[in-house]
Protein backbone atom coordinates (compact mmCIF):
# COMPACT_ATOMS: atom_id res chain seq x y z
CA MET A 1 -34.74 13.93 -7.69
CA GLY A 2 -31.08 12.93 -8.27
CA ARG A 3 -29.19 11.59 -5.32
CA ARG A 4 -26.06 13.15 -4.22
CA ARG A 5 -22.85 11.27 -4.89
CA ARG A 6 -20.89 10.42 -1.75
CA VAL A 7 -17.29 9.32 -2.29
CA VAL A 8 -15.05 7.87 0.36
CA TRP A 9 -11.46 6.88 0.07
CA VAL A 10 -10.60 3.25 0.89
CA VAL A 11 -7.11 2.58 2.29
CA MET A 12 -5.92 -1.00 1.67
CA HIS A 13 -2.84 -2.61 3.29
CA TYR A 14 -0.96 -5.24 1.36
CA GLU A 15 1.74 -7.52 2.80
CA ILE A 16 3.79 -10.43 1.72
CA MET A 17 3.10 -13.36 4.06
CA GLY A 18 3.78 -17.21 3.94
CA THR A 19 7.32 -18.73 3.75
CA PRO A 20 10.25 -17.40 2.00
CA ASP A 21 10.08 -20.05 -0.54
CA ALA A 22 6.25 -19.83 -1.03
CA PRO A 23 5.49 -16.00 -0.55
CA ARG A 24 1.82 -14.72 -1.02
CA VAL A 25 0.20 -11.38 -1.13
CA ASP A 26 -2.27 -10.76 1.53
CA SER A 27 -4.45 -7.76 1.91
CA VAL A 28 -6.97 -5.97 4.35
CA GLN A 29 -8.98 -2.89 4.44
CA PHE A 30 -7.31 -0.67 7.10
CA HIS A 31 -9.30 2.64 6.78
CA VAL A 32 -11.85 4.76 5.14
CA ALA A 33 -11.28 8.44 4.76
CA SER A 34 -13.27 11.35 3.54
CA SER A 35 -10.58 12.59 1.04
CA LEU A 36 -7.37 11.44 -0.68
CA GLN A 37 -5.53 13.92 1.68
CA MET A 38 -7.02 12.25 4.78
CA ALA A 39 -6.06 8.85 3.56
CA GLU A 40 -2.54 9.79 2.81
CA ASP A 41 -2.37 11.50 6.40
CA TYR A 42 -3.59 8.24 7.79
CA ILE A 43 -1.02 6.04 6.12
CA GLY A 44 1.68 8.56 7.05
CA ARG A 45 0.86 7.89 10.76
CA VAL A 46 0.84 4.09 10.61
CA TRP A 47 3.93 1.88 10.87
CA VAL A 48 4.05 -1.17 8.59
CA ASP A 49 6.75 -3.71 7.66
CA HIS A 50 9.07 -3.23 4.79
CA HIS A 51 7.41 -6.06 2.92
CA SER A 52 4.19 -4.18 2.65
CA TRP A 53 2.57 -1.27 0.69
CA TRP A 54 -0.64 0.64 0.55
CA GLN A 55 -3.38 1.06 -1.94
CA VAL A 56 -5.96 3.99 -1.88
CA HIS A 57 -8.90 4.26 -4.12
CA PRO A 58 -12.28 6.03 -4.18
CA HIS A 59 -15.45 4.28 -3.75
CA GLU A 60 -18.93 5.68 -4.18
CA VAL A 61 -21.23 5.09 -1.15
CA ASP A 62 -24.16 2.79 -1.70
CA ALA A 63 -23.26 2.61 -5.54
CA PRO A 64 -25.31 0.46 -7.61
CA ALA A 65 -23.89 -3.09 -8.17
CA ASP A 66 -23.51 -2.21 -11.88
CA GLY A 67 -21.97 1.07 -11.24
CA ASP A 68 -18.57 2.10 -12.71
CA GLU A 69 -16.15 2.90 -9.95
CA GLY A 70 -13.46 3.98 -12.36
CA GLU A 71 -9.83 3.09 -12.48
CA GLU A 72 -8.49 5.69 -10.08
CA THR A 73 -6.02 3.96 -7.85
CA TYR A 74 -2.98 5.08 -5.90
CA TYR A 75 -0.10 3.03 -4.51
CA TYR A 76 2.33 4.08 -1.69
CA SER A 77 5.33 2.23 -0.35
CA HIS A 78 5.41 1.31 3.32
CA ARG A 79 6.91 4.81 3.99
CA ARG A 80 4.24 6.66 2.10
CA THR A 81 6.33 7.21 -1.07
CA PRO A 82 3.98 7.44 -4.16
CA LEU A 83 4.41 4.55 -6.52
CA LYS A 84 3.11 3.85 -10.11
CA ALA A 85 2.16 0.27 -9.31
CA ALA A 86 1.98 -2.31 -6.61
CA PRO A 87 5.77 -3.14 -5.55
CA ILE A 88 5.17 -6.90 -5.49
CA ARG A 89 8.81 -7.96 -6.38
CA ARG A 90 10.31 -5.42 -4.11
CA ALA A 91 8.12 -6.62 -1.25
CA ILE A 92 8.89 -10.24 -1.89
CA ALA A 93 12.74 -9.44 -1.65
CA ALA A 94 12.11 -7.44 1.67
CA PHE A 95 10.07 -10.29 2.99
CA ARG A 96 12.80 -12.84 2.28
CA LYS A 97 15.38 -10.56 3.91
CA HIS A 98 13.09 -10.27 7.03
CA ALA A 99 12.74 -13.90 7.10
CA ALA A 100 16.46 -14.44 6.89
CA ARG A 101 17.00 -12.07 9.80
CA HIS A 102 14.23 -13.81 11.93
CA PRO A 103 14.64 -17.57 11.29
CA GLU A 104 12.96 -18.18 14.58
CA HIS A 105 9.66 -17.19 12.81
CA TYR A 106 10.33 -19.03 9.53
CA PRO A 107 11.78 -22.48 10.28
CA ALA A 108 13.44 -24.44 7.39
CA ARG A 109 11.21 -26.76 5.71
CA PRO A 110 11.62 -30.40 7.14
CA LYS A 111 13.20 -32.99 4.64
CA ASP A 112 10.91 -35.38 2.95
CA GLU A 113 10.86 -38.69 4.54
CA GLY A 114 10.97 -41.85 2.56
CA PRO A 115 7.69 -43.98 2.46
CA GLY A 116 7.47 -46.02 5.70
CA THR A 117 11.18 -46.13 6.42
CA GLY A 118 11.71 -43.20 8.73
CA GLU A 119 14.67 -42.23 6.70
CA THR A 120 15.19 -39.12 4.81
CA ARG A 121 15.73 -39.07 1.22
């Protein structure tokens, strides 16, 4: 007897983090939905920063380790606008603007000190 294939839609949130001169991509699974429409409804209700985006992809529940999950992936801007790919460059630019507006959260890097002298180079 064959087993019934159950698919869920995994909602991933991606965000640029770090410092303006060394940004990095961070991600976390935010939600699991029963359909693509429910996943899109979810991301439409959640507010996220401008330097982030969403990825939604199907996943078969209890799939075998060697199972093929396919290539179906959807990307959305922080405002739920559909995208063709992850907007990494745009998000880094938005992150740097955010950091410039909030320097209290992103202090300037300290100058290197000379070895043993206490003086800056």
